[in-house]
């Protein structure tokens, strides 16, 4: 057996069992049709529950000859089952961070892979695409010498900027989500962070990884299979609130029309439908722009500008601006009861 490929194969197993932790343990699969879906998933993939003594505070499932201990976490409203960073074989724990050192012991104990694994060319291409995009963004960020917001520079290079602060900037270039900062003392200017994520086709984010080693984050090339499995199903990008709503991936109970002006934020009205809220927002923005009668009128937009993507809201109209940071906006916000 080739050690590198076998370790990569093991990582695909850990990825599969972690990615599907909730369905394996039945979290969110309480209705009868969902229960059937879960049982079919377990049978199709050969995942089996291991009977254990009640003293163990874990659910144990076996897959491809390895045992996985699941624990339930409920933190920051994010509920799910997890397996940590490793697996068990013959009642010994193997941590993926140390798998190279423990590999010989695992094989000596009798475990053999059920399939032969070689990293695919498609996976190699995906790794290259991520690295190339990261290096491109690293150069762009480094070109911003000194201080001041970075957002305009990143937008000029085709990025979507989700946060543009004086010392921190969050942005994405297509499928790659990155952050940059200016607080890497004693260096001056902007620097890209080594930690980044990939957007999948549905707009969700991958686990964090590092293209360049940072000492504690999983390295893209070494741990690709642990992070993504055998291949990334497909690259996506950042989808705004408006896009997700129009795609039917966001649903709300009612809609709040709000205003945001320098140093003030408030609510104007609420509506049961988005169409009503949008119509009211545009009308309110237009009336406010038209109400400016003195020499400040040159800063008013009597045909309010669509500002939804820049504010990442369902709908937004800018009706007044005299300088950066002085935007006067009416926007629509989805709410749950």
C-alpha atoms as a PDB file:
ATOM      1  CA  UNK A   1       0.000   0.000   0.000  1.00  0.00           C
ATOM      2  CA  UNK A   2       1.136   3.523  -0.755  1.00  0.00           C
ATOM      3  CA  UNK A   3       1.201   5.430   2.531  1.00  0.00           C
ATOM      4  CA  UNK A   4       0.250   8.839   1.121  1.00  0.00           C
ATOM      5  CA  UNK A   5      -2.699   7.537  -0.884  1.00  0.00           C
ATOM      6  CA  UNK A   6      -3.912   5.335   1.969  1.00  0.00           C
ATOM      7  CA  UNK A   7      -3.868   8.291   4.370  1.00  0.00           C
ATOM      8  CA  UNK A   8      -5.762  10.357   1.809  1.00  0.00           C
ATOM      9  CA  UNK A   9      -8.298   7.526   1.527  1.00  0.00           C
ATOM     10  CA  UNK A  10      -8.746   7.514   5.306  1.00  0.00           C
ATOM     11  CA  UNK A  11      -9.352  11.255   5.175  1.00  0.00           C
ATOM     12  CA  UNK A  12     -12.185  10.745   2.664  1.00  0.00           C
ATOM     13  CA  UNK A  13     -13.828   8.389   5.172  1.00  0.00           C
ATOM     14  CA  UNK A  14     -13.503  10.885   8.022  1.00  0.00           C
ATOM     15  CA  UNK A  15     -14.870  13.640   5.787  1.00  0.00           C
ATOM     16  CA  UNK A  16     -17.873  11.520   4.789  1.00  0.00           C
ATOM     17  CA  UNK A  17     -18.736  10.599   8.372  1.00  0.00           C
ATOM     18  CA  UNK A  18     -18.360  14.175   9.589  1.00  0.00           C
ATOM     19  CA  UNK A  19     -20.256  15.761   6.675  1.00  0.00           C
ATOM     20  CA  UNK A  20     -23.195  13.396   7.174  1.00  0.00           C
ATOM     21  CA  UNK A  21     -23.125  13.412  10.979  1.00  0.00           C
ATOM     22  CA  UNK A  22     -26.695  14.649  11.423  1.00  0.00           C
ATOM     23  CA  UNK A  23     -28.395  12.176   9.095  1.00  0.00           C
ATOM     24  CA  UNK A  24     -26.305   9.308  10.507  1.00  0.00           C
ATOM     25  CA  UNK A  25     -27.412  10.176  14.054  1.00  0.00           C
ATOM     26  CA  UNK A  26     -30.969  11.102  13.055  1.00  0.00           C
ATOM     27  CA  UNK A  27     -30.862  14.772  14.000  1.00  0.00           C
ATOM     28  CA  UNK A  28     -33.726  16.458  12.120  1.00  0.00           C
ATOM     29  CA  UNK A  29     -35.037  13.121  10.789  1.00  0.00           C
ATOM     30  CA  UNK A  30     -38.005  12.653  13.096  1.00  0.00           C
ATOM     31  CA  UNK A  31     -40.939  12.317  10.668  1.00  0.00           C
ATOM     32  CA  UNK A  32     -41.661   8.899   9.234  1.00  0.00           C
ATOM     33  CA  UNK A  33     -40.540   9.767   5.688  1.00  0.00           C
ATOM     34  CA  UNK A  34     -37.342  11.285   7.066  1.00  0.00           C
ATOM     35  CA  UNK A  35     -36.696   8.199   9.171  1.00  0.00           C
ATOM     36  CA  UNK A  36     -36.991   6.048   6.044  1.00  0.00           C
ATOM     37  CA  UNK A  37     -34.609   8.382   4.213  1.00  0.00           C
ATOM     38  CA  UNK A  38     -32.062   8.036   7.011  1.00  0.00           C
ATOM     39  CA  UNK A  39     -32.298   4.232   7.145  1.00  0.00           C
ATOM     40  CA  UNK A  40     -31.916   4.043   3.362  1.00  0.00           C
ATOM     41  CA  UNK A  41     -28.824   6.260   3.579  1.00  0.00           C
ATOM     42  CA  UNK A  42     -27.225   4.054   6.230  1.00  0.00           C
ATOM     43  CA  UNK A  43     -27.944   0.873   4.299  1.00  0.00           C
ATOM     44  CA  UNK A  44     -26.810   2.271   0.946  1.00  0.00           C
ATOM     45  CA  UNK A  45     -23.475   3.422   2.377  1.00  0.00           C
ATOM     46  CA  UNK A  46     -22.851   0.496   4.705  1.00  0.00           C
ATOM     47  CA  UNK A  47     -22.867   2.610   7.880  1.00  0.00           C
ATOM     48  CA  UNK A  48     -23.810   0.537  10.943  1.00  0.00           C
ATOM     49  CA  UNK A  49     -24.563   1.408  14.563  1.00  0.00           C
ATOM     50  CA  UNK A  50     -22.311  -0.245  17.138  1.00  0.00           C
ATOM     51  CA  UNK A  51     -24.031  -1.447  20.296  1.00  0.00           C
ATOM     52  CA  UNK A  52     -22.244  -0.058  23.326  1.00  0.00           C
ATOM     53  CA  UNK A  53     -22.569   0.029  27.086  1.00  0.00           C
ATOM     54  CA  UNK A  54     -24.593   2.976  28.489  1.00  0.00           C
ATOM     55  CA  UNK A  55     -21.487   4.299  30.226  1.00  0.00           C
ATOM     56  CA  UNK A  56     -20.204   5.707  26.933  1.00  0.00           C
ATOM     57  CA  UNK A  57     -21.403   9.252  26.239  1.00  0.00           C
ATOM     58  CA  UNK A  58     -21.187   8.765  22.494  1.00  0.00           C
ATOM     59  CA  UNK A  59     -22.987   7.260  19.526  1.00  0.00           C
ATOM     60  CA  UNK A  60     -20.692   4.869  17.690  1.00  0.00           C
ATOM     61  CA  UNK A  61     -21.003   3.921  14.026  1.00  0.00           C
ATOM     62  CA  UNK A  62     -18.682   1.788  11.930  1.00  0.00           C
ATOM     63  CA  UNK A  63     -17.805   2.581   8.317  1.00  0.00           C
ATOM     64  CA  UNK A  64     -15.304   0.872   6.026  1.00  0.00           C
ATOM     65  CA  UNK A  65     -13.813  -0.944   9.001  1.00  0.00           C
ATOM     66  CA  UNK A  66     -13.286   2.160  11.164  1.00  0.00           C
ATOM     67  CA  UNK A  67     -15.305   3.274  14.195  1.00  0.00           C
ATOM     68  CA  UNK A  68     -16.527   6.834  14.658  1.00  0.00           C
ATOM     69  CA  UNK A  69     -17.636   8.252  18.008  1.00  0.00           C
ATOM     70  CA  UNK A  70     -20.245  11.013  17.717  1.00  0.00           C
ATOM     71  CA  UNK A  71     -20.904  13.653  20.331  1.00  0.00           C
ATOM     72  CA  UNK A  72     -23.719  16.194  20.339  1.00  0.00           C
ATOM     73  CA  UNK A  73     -22.933  19.898  20.710  1.00  0.00           C
ATOM     74  CA  UNK A  74     -25.281  22.826  21.262  1.00  0.00           C
ATOM     75  CA  UNK A  75     -23.295  26.040  21.099  1.00  0.00           C
ATOM     76  CA  UNK A  76     -24.165  29.448  19.688  1.00  0.00           C
ATOM     77  CA  UNK A  77     -27.444  28.064  18.306  1.00  0.00           C
ATOM     78  CA  UNK A  78     -25.460  25.709  16.071  1.00  0.00           C
ATOM     79  CA  UNK A  79     -26.637  22.195  16.884  1.00  0.00           C
ATOM     80  CA  UNK A  80     -25.021  19.177  15.338  1.00  0.00           C
ATOM     81  CA  UNK A  81     -23.186  15.942  15.920  1.00  0.00           C
ATOM     82  CA  UNK A  82     -19.462  15.802  15.402  1.00  0.00           C
ATOM     83  CA  UNK A  83     -16.682  13.213  15.443  1.00  0.00           C
ATOM     84  CA  UNK A  84     -13.786  15.443  16.382  1.00  0.00           C
ATOM     85  CA  UNK A  85     -10.629  14.993  14.326  1.00  0.00           C
ATOM     86  CA  UNK A  86     -10.242  11.254  14.108  1.00  0.00           C
ATOM     87  CA  UNK A  87     -11.540   7.687  14.403  1.00  0.00           C
ATOM     88  CA  UNK A  88     -11.077   4.435  16.334  1.00  0.00           C
ATOM     89  CA  UNK A  89      -9.728   1.049  15.316  1.00  0.00           C
ATOM     90  CA  UNK A  90      -9.385  -1.863  17.756  1.00  0.00           C
ATOM     91  CA  UNK A  91     -10.351   0.564  20.544  1.00  0.00           C
ATOM     92  CA  UNK A  92      -7.395   2.817  19.731  1.00  0.00           C
ATOM     93  CA  UNK A  93      -7.929   6.442  18.790  1.00  0.00           C
ATOM     94  CA  UNK A  94      -6.239   7.833  15.685  1.00  0.00           C
ATOM     95  CA  UNK A  95      -6.115  11.604  15.273  1.00  0.00           C
ATOM     96  CA  UNK A  96      -5.743  12.818  11.678  1.00  0.00           C
ATOM     97  CA  UNK A  97      -3.310  15.475  12.842  1.00  0.00           C
ATOM     98  CA  UNK A  98      -0.944  12.642  13.834  1.00  0.00           C
ATOM     99  CA  UNK A  99      -1.963   9.978  11.324  1.00  0.00           C
ATOM    100  CA  UNK A 100       1.421   9.894   9.582  1.00  0.00           C
ATOM    101  CA  UNK A 101       3.134   8.954  12.841  1.00  0.00           C
ATOM    102  CA  UNK A 102       0.444   6.394  13.756  1.00  0.00           C
ATOM    103  CA  UNK A 103      -0.013   4.948  10.277  1.00  0.00           C
ATOM    104  CA  UNK A 104       2.306   1.952  10.735  1.00  0.00           C
ATOM    105  CA  UNK A 105       0.546   1.040  13.985  1.00  0.00           C
ATOM    106  CA  UNK A 106      -2.864   1.139  12.277  1.00  0.00           C
ATOM    107  CA  UNK A 107      -1.694  -1.158   9.466  1.00  0.00           C
ATOM    108  CA  UNK A 108       0.108  -3.473  11.895  1.00  0.00           C
ATOM    109  CA  UNK A 109      -3.134  -3.831  13.854  1.00  0.00           C
ATOM    110  CA  UNK A 110      -4.748  -5.285  10.733  1.00  0.00           C
ATOM    111  CA  UNK A 111      -6.699  -2.477   9.072  1.00  0.00           C
ATOM    112  CA  UNK A 112      -6.617  -2.437   5.250  1.00  0.00           C
ATOM    113  CA  UNK A 113      -8.434  -0.014   2.917  1.00  0.00           C
ATOM    114  CA  UNK A 114     -11.506  -1.428   1.173  1.00  0.00           C
ATOM    115  CA  UNK A 115     -10.791   0.561  -1.996  1.00  0.00           C
ATOM    116  CA  UNK A 116      -7.644   1.710  -3.719  1.00  0.00           C
ATOM    117  CA  UNK A 117      -7.384   5.494  -3.734  1.00  0.00           C
ATOM    118  CA  UNK A 118      -5.448   7.911  -5.927  1.00  0.00           C
ATOM    119  CA  UNK A 119      -6.164  11.641  -5.912  1.00  0.00           C
ATOM    120  CA  UNK A 120      -7.976  12.457  -9.162  1.00  0.00           C
ATOM    121  CA  UNK A 121      -6.810  14.920 -11.786  1.00  0.00           C
ATOM    122  CA  UNK A 122      -9.998  16.906 -11.171  1.00  0.00           C
ATOM    123  CA  UNK A 123      -9.070  17.271  -7.511  1.00  0.00           C
ATOM    124  CA  UNK A 124      -5.563  18.371  -8.513  1.00  0.00           C
ATOM    125  CA  UNK A 125      -7.077  20.949 -10.869  1.00  0.00           C
ATOM    126  CA  UNK A 126      -9.304  22.240  -8.081  1.00  0.00           C
ATOM    127  CA  UNK A 127      -6.309  22.604  -5.782  1.00  0.00           C
ATOM    128  CA  UNK A 128      -4.435  24.526  -8.482  1.00  0.00           C
ATOM    129  CA  UNK A 129      -7.439  26.794  -9.102  1.00  0.00           C
ATOM    130  CA  UNK A 130      -7.679  27.618  -5.394  1.00  0.00           C
ATOM    131  CA  UNK A 131      -3.953  28.272  -5.113  1.00  0.00           C
ATOM    132  CA  UNK A 132      -3.868  30.435  -8.248  1.00  0.00           C
ATOM    133  CA  UNK A 133      -6.795  32.559  -7.065  1.00  0.00           C
ATOM    134  CA  UNK A 134      -5.271  32.931  -3.609  1.00  0.00           C
ATOM    135  CA  UNK A 135      -1.900  34.023  -5.015  1.00  0.00           C
ATOM    136  CA  UNK A 136      -3.648  36.502  -7.331  1.00  0.00           C
ATOM    137  CA  UNK A 137      -5.571  38.035  -4.417  1.00  0.00           C
ATOM    138  CA  UNK A 138      -2.467  38.065  -2.222  1.00  0.00           C
ATOM    139  CA  UNK A 139      -0.687  40.221  -4.816  1.00  0.00           C
ATOM    140  CA  UNK A 140      -3.650  42.588  -5.144  1.00  0.00           C
ATOM    141  CA  UNK A 141      -3.907  43.019  -1.374  1.00  0.00           C
ATOM    142  CA  UNK A 142      -0.154  43.599  -1.038  1.00  0.00           C
ATOM    143  CA  UNK A 143      -0.327  46.326  -3.698  1.00  0.00           C
ATOM    144  CA  UNK A 144      -2.372  48.471  -1.288  1.00  0.00           C
ATOM    145  CA  UNK A 145       0.449  50.183   0.551  1.00  0.00           C
ATOM    146  CA  UNK A 146      -0.272  52.198   3.660  1.00  0.00           C
ATOM    147  CA  UNK A 147      -3.710  52.403   5.214  1.00  0.00           C
ATOM    148  CA  UNK A 148      -7.263  53.328   4.273  1.00  0.00           C
ATOM    149  CA  UNK A 149     -10.077  51.044   3.135  1.00  0.00           C
ATOM    150  CA  UNK A 150      -9.203  48.197   0.769  1.00  0.00           C
ATOM    151  CA  UNK A 151     -12.688  47.561  -0.647  1.00  0.00           C
ATOM    152  CA  UNK A 152     -12.462  49.760  -3.733  1.00  0.00           C
ATOM    153  CA  UNK A 153      -9.219  48.073  -4.791  1.00  0.00           C
ATOM    154  CA  UNK A 154     -10.712  44.598  -4.431  1.00  0.00           C
ATOM    155  CA  UNK A 155     -13.906  45.544  -6.306  1.00  0.00           C
ATOM    156  CA  UNK A 156     -11.798  46.859  -9.186  1.00  0.00           C
ATOM    157  CA  UNK A 157     -10.319  43.351  -9.462  1.00  0.00           C
ATOM    158  CA  UNK A 158     -13.714  41.639  -9.675  1.00  0.00           C
ATOM    159  CA  UNK A 159     -14.232  40.828  -5.995  1.00  0.00           C
ATOM    160  CA  UNK A 160     -17.406  41.023  -3.948  1.00  0.00           C
ATOM    161  CA  UNK A 161     -16.640  42.942  -0.756  1.00  0.00           C
ATOM    162  CA  UNK A 162     -18.784  41.912   2.205  1.00  0.00           C
ATOM    163  CA  UNK A 163     -17.003  44.099   4.784  1.00  0.00           C
ATOM    164  CA  UNK A 164     -14.805  47.106   4.173  1.00  0.00           C
ATOM    165  CA  UNK A 165     -13.250  48.513   7.336  1.00  0.00           C
ATOM    166  CA  UNK A 166     -10.238  50.629   8.126  1.00  0.00           C
ATOM    167  CA  UNK A 167      -8.134  47.669   9.257  1.00  0.00           C
ATOM    168  CA  UNK A 168     -10.132  44.602   8.144  1.00  0.00           C
ATOM    169  CA  UNK A 169     -11.613  43.688   4.760  1.00  0.00           C
ATOM    170  CA  UNK A 170     -13.637  40.579   3.851  1.00  0.00           C
ATOM    171  CA  UNK A 171     -14.040  39.733   0.182  1.00  0.00           C
ATOM    172  CA  UNK A 172     -14.476  36.905  -2.282  1.00  0.00           C
ATOM    173  CA  UNK A 173     -13.044  36.354  -5.737  1.00  0.00           C
ATOM    174  CA  UNK A 174     -15.459  33.982  -7.397  1.00  0.00           C
ATOM    175  CA  UNK A 175     -15.407  30.787  -5.335  1.00  0.00           C
ATOM    176  CA  UNK A 176     -12.683  31.840  -2.863  1.00  0.00           C
ATOM    177  CA  UNK A 177     -13.554  33.722   0.325  1.00  0.00           C
ATOM    178  CA  UNK A 178     -10.724  35.687   1.949  1.00  0.00           C
ATOM    179  CA  UNK A 179      -9.907  38.251   4.612  1.00  0.00           C
ATOM    180  CA  UNK A 180      -7.200  40.879   4.816  1.00  0.00           C
ATOM    181  CA  UNK A 181      -5.950  43.162   7.578  1.00  0.00           C
ATOM    182  CA  UNK A 182      -3.461  45.920   8.341  1.00  0.00           C
ATOM    183  CA  UNK A 183      -2.515  44.904  11.891  1.00  0.00           C
ATOM    184  CA  UNK A 184       0.462  42.656  11.176  1.00  0.00           C
ATOM    185  CA  UNK A 185       2.912  44.784  13.140  1.00  0.00           C
ATOM    186  CA  UNK A 186       5.661  45.745  12.400  1.00  0.00           C
ATOM    187  CA  UNK A 187       4.728  45.342   8.733  1.00  0.00           C
ATOM    188  CA  UNK A 188       2.894  48.212   7.099  1.00  0.00           C
ATOM    189  CA  UNK A 189       0.053  48.089   4.631  1.00  0.00           C
ATOM    190  CA  UNK A 190      -2.486  45.378   3.892  1.00  0.00           C
ATOM    191  CA  UNK A 191      -1.836  41.625   4.160  1.00  0.00           C
ATOM    192  CA  UNK A 192      -4.046  38.711   3.147  1.00  0.00           C
ATOM    193  CA  UNK A 193      -4.863  36.183   5.850  1.00  0.00           C
ATOM    194  CA  UNK A 194      -3.697  32.627   5.240  1.00  0.00           C
ATOM    195  CA  UNK A 195      -7.066  31.198   6.325  1.00  0.00           C
ATOM    196  CA  UNK A 196      -9.752  31.080   3.633  1.00  0.00           C
ATOM    197  CA  UNK A 197     -12.821  29.111   2.499  1.00  0.00           C
ATOM    198  CA  UNK A 198     -14.429  27.905  -0.715  1.00  0.00           C
ATOM    199  CA  UNK A 199     -17.989  28.639  -1.781  1.00  0.00           C
ATOM    200  CA  UNK A 200     -19.924  25.587  -2.933  1.00  0.00           C
ATOM    201  CA  UNK A 201     -22.589  25.616  -5.663  1.00  0.00           C
ATOM    202  CA  UNK A 202     -25.405  26.338  -3.197  1.00  0.00           C
ATOM    203  CA  UNK A 203     -23.588  29.334  -1.726  1.00  0.00           C
ATOM    204  CA  UNK A 204     -22.523  27.561   1.468  1.00  0.00           C
ATOM    205  CA  UNK A 205     -18.964  27.789   2.750  1.00  0.00           C
ATOM    206  CA  UNK A 206     -16.442  25.018   3.257  1.00  0.00           C
ATOM    207  CA  UNK A 207     -14.435  24.510   6.423  1.00  0.00           C
ATOM    208  CA  UNK A 208     -11.525  26.870   6.847  1.00  0.00           C
ATOM    209  CA  UNK A 209      -8.184  25.842   5.368  1.00  0.00           C
ATOM    210  CA  UNK A 210      -4.804  27.401   4.652  1.00  0.00           C
ATOM    211  CA  UNK A 211      -3.111  27.611   1.259  1.00  0.00           C
ATOM    212  CA  UNK A 212       0.064  28.689   3.059  1.00  0.00           C
ATOM    213  CA  UNK A 213       0.819  26.971   6.363  1.00  0.00           C
ATOM    214  CA  UNK A 214      -0.085  29.059   9.396  1.00  0.00           C
ATOM    215  CA  UNK A 215       0.856  26.517  12.059  1.00  0.00           C
ATOM    216  CA  UNK A 216      -2.637  25.429  13.104  1.00  0.00           C
ATOM    217  CA  UNK A 217      -5.060  25.420  10.140  1.00  0.00           C
ATOM    218  CA  UNK A 218      -5.423  22.424   7.820  1.00  0.00           C
ATOM    219  CA  UNK A 219      -3.215  22.843   4.772  1.00  0.00           C
ATOM    220  CA  UNK A 220      -5.078  22.671   1.449  1.00  0.00           C
ATOM    221  CA  UNK A 221      -2.779  20.257  -0.345  1.00  0.00           C
ATOM    222  CA  UNK A 222      -1.968  17.957   2.579  1.00  0.00           C
ATOM    223  CA  UNK A 223      -5.499  17.744   3.954  1.00  0.00           C
ATOM    224  CA  UNK A 224      -7.623  18.253   0.838  1.00  0.00           C
ATOM    225  CA  UNK A 225      -9.517  14.962   1.312  1.00  0.00           C
ATOM    226  CA  UNK A 226     -10.227  15.751   4.972  1.00  0.00           C
ATOM    227  CA  UNK A 227     -11.648  19.153   4.057  1.00  0.00           C
ATOM    228  CA  UNK A 228     -13.495  18.310   0.826  1.00  0.00           C
ATOM    229  CA  UNK A 229     -13.561  14.547   0.329  1.00  0.00           C
ATOM    230  CA  UNK A 230     -12.297  13.023  -2.924  1.00  0.00           C
ATOM    231  CA  UNK A 231     -13.384  16.066  -4.983  1.00  0.00           C
ATOM    232  CA  UNK A 232     -15.268  19.326  -4.648  1.00  0.00           C
ATOM    233  CA  UNK A 233     -18.693  18.742  -6.203  1.00  0.00           C
ATOM    234  CA  UNK A 234     -18.587  22.190  -7.779  1.00  0.00           C
ATOM    235  CA  UNK A 235     -17.441  25.737  -7.102  1.00  0.00           C
ATOM    236  CA  UNK A 236     -19.977  28.431  -6.327  1.00  0.00           C
ATOM    237  CA  UNK A 237     -19.743  32.019  -5.192  1.00  0.00           C
ATOM    238  CA  UNK A 238     -21.116  34.431  -2.631  1.00  0.00           C
ATOM    239  CA  UNK A 239     -24.842  34.970  -3.058  1.00  0.00           C
ATOM    240  CA  UNK A 240     -26.359  38.163  -1.695  1.00  0.00           C
ATOM    241  CA  UNK A 241     -29.477  38.267   0.446  1.00  0.00           C
ATOM    242  CA  UNK A 242     -31.447  39.429  -2.580  1.00  0.00           C
ATOM    243  CA  UNK A 243     -30.167  36.560  -4.741  1.00  0.00           C
ATOM    244  CA  UNK A 244     -30.941  33.926  -2.112  1.00  0.00           C
ATOM    245  CA  UNK A 245     -34.445  35.359  -1.724  1.00  0.00           C
ATOM    246  CA  UNK A 246     -35.060  35.379  -5.471  1.00  0.00           C
ATOM    247  CA  UNK A 247     -33.723  31.806  -5.711  1.00  0.00           C
ATOM    248  CA  UNK A 248     -36.261  30.705  -3.124  1.00  0.00           C
ATOM    249  CA  UNK A 249     -33.601  29.779  -0.568  1.00  0.00           C
ATOM    250  CA  UNK A 250     -34.751  32.468   1.892  1.00  0.00           C
ATOM    251  CA  UNK A 251     -38.291  32.818   3.211  1.00  0.00           C
ATOM    252  CA  UNK A 252     -39.649  35.368   5.677  1.00  0.00           C
ATOM    253  CA  UNK A 253     -42.885  35.885   7.637  1.00  0.00           C
ATOM    254  CA  UNK A 254     -43.056  39.661   7.105  1.00  0.00           C
ATOM    255  CA  UNK A 255     -40.957  42.575   5.870  1.00  0.00           C
ATOM    256  CA  UNK A 256     -39.678  45.662   7.647  1.00  0.00           C
ATOM    257  CA  UNK A 257     -38.911  48.890   5.779  1.00  0.00           C
ATOM    258  CA  UNK A 258     -36.053  50.700   7.473  1.00  0.00           C
ATOM    259  CA  UNK A 259     -33.940  53.804   6.990  1.00  0.00           C
ATOM    260  CA  UNK A 260     -30.226  54.241   7.545  1.00  0.00           C
ATOM    261  CA  UNK A 261     -28.597  57.646   7.593  1.00  0.00           C
ATOM    262  CA  UNK A 262     -25.341  58.719   9.263  1.00  0.00           C
ATOM    263  CA  UNK A 263     -25.546  57.899  13.000  1.00  0.00           C
ATOM    264  CA  UNK A 264     -29.204  56.852  12.826  1.00  0.00           C
ATOM    265  CA  UNK A 265     -31.126  53.658  12.062  1.00  0.00           C
ATOM    266  CA  UNK A 266     -34.867  53.131  12.361  1.00  0.00           C
ATOM    267  CA  UNK A 267     -38.029  51.417  11.146  1.00  0.00           C
ATOM    268  CA  UNK A 268     -40.661  53.108   8.995  1.00  0.00           C
ATOM    269  CA  UNK A 269     -43.290  50.408   8.407  1.00  0.00           C
ATOM    270  CA  UNK A 270     -43.912  46.659   8.203  1.00  0.00           C
ATOM    271  CA  UNK A 271     -45.718  44.666   5.486  1.00  0.00           C
ATOM    272  CA  UNK A 272     -46.917  41.112   4.965  1.00  0.00           C
ATOM    273  CA  UNK A 273     -45.548  40.905   1.410  1.00  0.00           C
ATOM    274  CA  UNK A 274     -42.224  41.825  -0.111  1.00  0.00           C
ATOM    275  CA  UNK A 275     -43.871  43.559  -3.082  1.00  0.00           C
ATOM    276  CA  UNK A 276     -45.675  46.000  -0.773  1.00  0.00           C
ATOM    277  CA  UNK A 277     -42.526  46.683   1.201  1.00  0.00           C
ATOM    278  CA  UNK A 278     -40.448  47.255  -1.944  1.00  0.00           C
ATOM    279  CA  UNK A 279     -43.002  49.647  -3.420  1.00  0.00           C
ATOM    280  CA  UNK A 280     -43.196  51.619  -0.188  1.00  0.00           C
ATOM    281  CA  UNK A 281     -39.383  51.766   0.120  1.00  0.00           C
ATOM    282  CA  UNK A 282     -38.896  53.192  -3.364  1.00  0.00           C
ATOM    283  CA  UNK A 283     -41.701  55.721  -2.905  1.00  0.00           C
ATOM    284  CA  UNK A 284     -40.297  56.844   0.447  1.00  0.00           C
ATOM    285  CA  UNK A 285     -36.777  57.220  -0.959  1.00  0.00           C
ATOM    286  CA  UNK A 286     -38.019  59.219  -3.936  1.00  0.00           C
ATOM    287  CA  UNK A 287     -40.105  61.541  -1.761  1.00  0.00           C
ATOM    288  CA  UNK A 288     -37.189  62.163   0.570  1.00  0.00           C
ATOM    289  CA  UNK A 289     -34.889  62.995  -2.349  1.00  0.00           C
ATOM    290  CA  UNK A 290     -37.453  65.358  -3.856  1.00  0.00           C
ATOM    291  CA  UNK A 291     -37.895  67.101  -0.492  1.00  0.00           C
ATOM    292  CA  UNK A 292     -34.333  68.481  -0.645  1.00  0.00           C
ATOM    293  CA  UNK A 293     -34.838  72.050  -1.925  1.00  0.00           C
ATOM    294  CA  UNK A 294     -31.683  74.020  -1.053  1.00  0.00           C
ATOM    295  CA  UNK A 295     -28.207  73.790  -2.598  1.00  0.00           C
ATOM    296  CA  UNK A 296     -27.850  70.257  -1.240  1.00  0.00           C
ATOM    297  CA  UNK A 297     -30.206  69.120  -3.984  1.00  0.00           C
ATOM    298  CA  UNK A 298     -27.183  68.243  -6.138  1.00  0.00           C
ATOM    299  CA  UNK A 299     -26.502  65.378  -3.733  1.00  0.00           C
ATOM    300  CA  UNK A 300     -30.039  63.979  -3.905  1.00  0.00           C
ATOM    301  CA  UNK A 301     -31.116  61.156  -6.243  1.00  0.00           C
ATOM    302  CA  UNK A 302     -34.693  61.823  -7.328  1.00  0.00           C
ATOM    303  CA  UNK A 303     -34.472  58.496  -9.129  1.00  0.00           C
ATOM    304  CA  UNK A 304     -33.123  56.483  -6.159  1.00  0.00           C
ATOM    305  CA  UNK A 305     -30.214  54.143  -6.878  1.00  0.00           C
ATOM    306  CA  UNK A 306     -30.608  50.407  -6.359  1.00  0.00           C
ATOM    307  CA  UNK A 307     -28.201  49.730  -3.500  1.00  0.00           C
ATOM    308  CA  UNK A 308     -29.287  46.222  -2.456  1.00  0.00           C
ATOM    309  CA  UNK A 309     -26.120  44.333  -3.393  1.00  0.00           C
ATOM    310  CA  UNK A 310     -23.780  46.838  -1.750  1.00  0.00           C
ATOM    311  CA  UNK A 311     -25.802  46.723   1.481  1.00  0.00           C
ATOM    312  CA  UNK A 312     -26.512  42.977   1.089  1.00  0.00           C
ATOM    313  CA  UNK A 313     -30.221  43.408   1.773  1.00  0.00           C
ATOM    314  CA  UNK A 314     -33.402  42.263   0.043  1.00  0.00           C
ATOM    315  CA  UNK A 315     -33.964  45.685  -1.413  1.00  0.00           C
ATOM    316  CA  UNK A 316     -32.293  49.061  -0.841  1.00  0.00           C
ATOM    317  CA  UNK A 317     -32.515  52.525  -2.401  1.00  0.00           C
ATOM    318  CA  UNK A 318     -29.987  55.299  -1.891  1.00  0.00           C
ATOM    319  CA  UNK A 319     -31.571  58.740  -2.214  1.00  0.00           C
ATOM    320  CA  UNK A 320     -28.827  61.057  -0.916  1.00  0.00           C
ATOM    321  CA  UNK A 321     -25.021  61.074  -0.711  1.00  0.00           C
ATOM    322  CA  UNK A 322     -22.517  63.920  -0.488  1.00  0.00           C
ATOM    323  CA  UNK A 323     -19.389  61.954   0.474  1.00  0.00           C
ATOM    324  CA  UNK A 324     -18.210  58.445   1.384  1.00  0.00           C
ATOM    325  CA  UNK A 325     -20.041  57.284   4.477  1.00  0.00           C
ATOM    326  CA  UNK A 326     -22.867  59.807   4.047  1.00  0.00           C
ATOM    327  CA  UNK A 327     -25.247  57.434   2.246  1.00  0.00           C
ATOM    328  CA  UNK A 328     -28.951  57.905   3.043  1.00  0.00           C
ATOM    329  CA  UNK A 329     -30.725  54.603   2.371  1.00  0.00           C
ATOM    330  CA  UNK A 330     -34.176  53.069   2.611  1.00  0.00           C
ATOM    331  CA  UNK A 331     -34.037  49.272   2.694  1.00  0.00           C
ATOM    332  CA  UNK A 332     -36.212  46.197   3.203  1.00  0.00           C
ATOM    333  CA  UNK A 333     -35.377  43.601   5.801  1.00  0.00           C
ATOM    334  CA  UNK A 334     -36.985  40.135   6.058  1.00  0.00           C
ATOM    335  CA  UNK A 335     -38.183  39.069   9.506  1.00  0.00           C
ATOM    336  CA  UNK A 336     -39.411  35.934  11.307  1.00  0.00           C
ATOM    337  CA  UNK A 337     -42.243  35.971  13.813  1.00  0.00           C
END
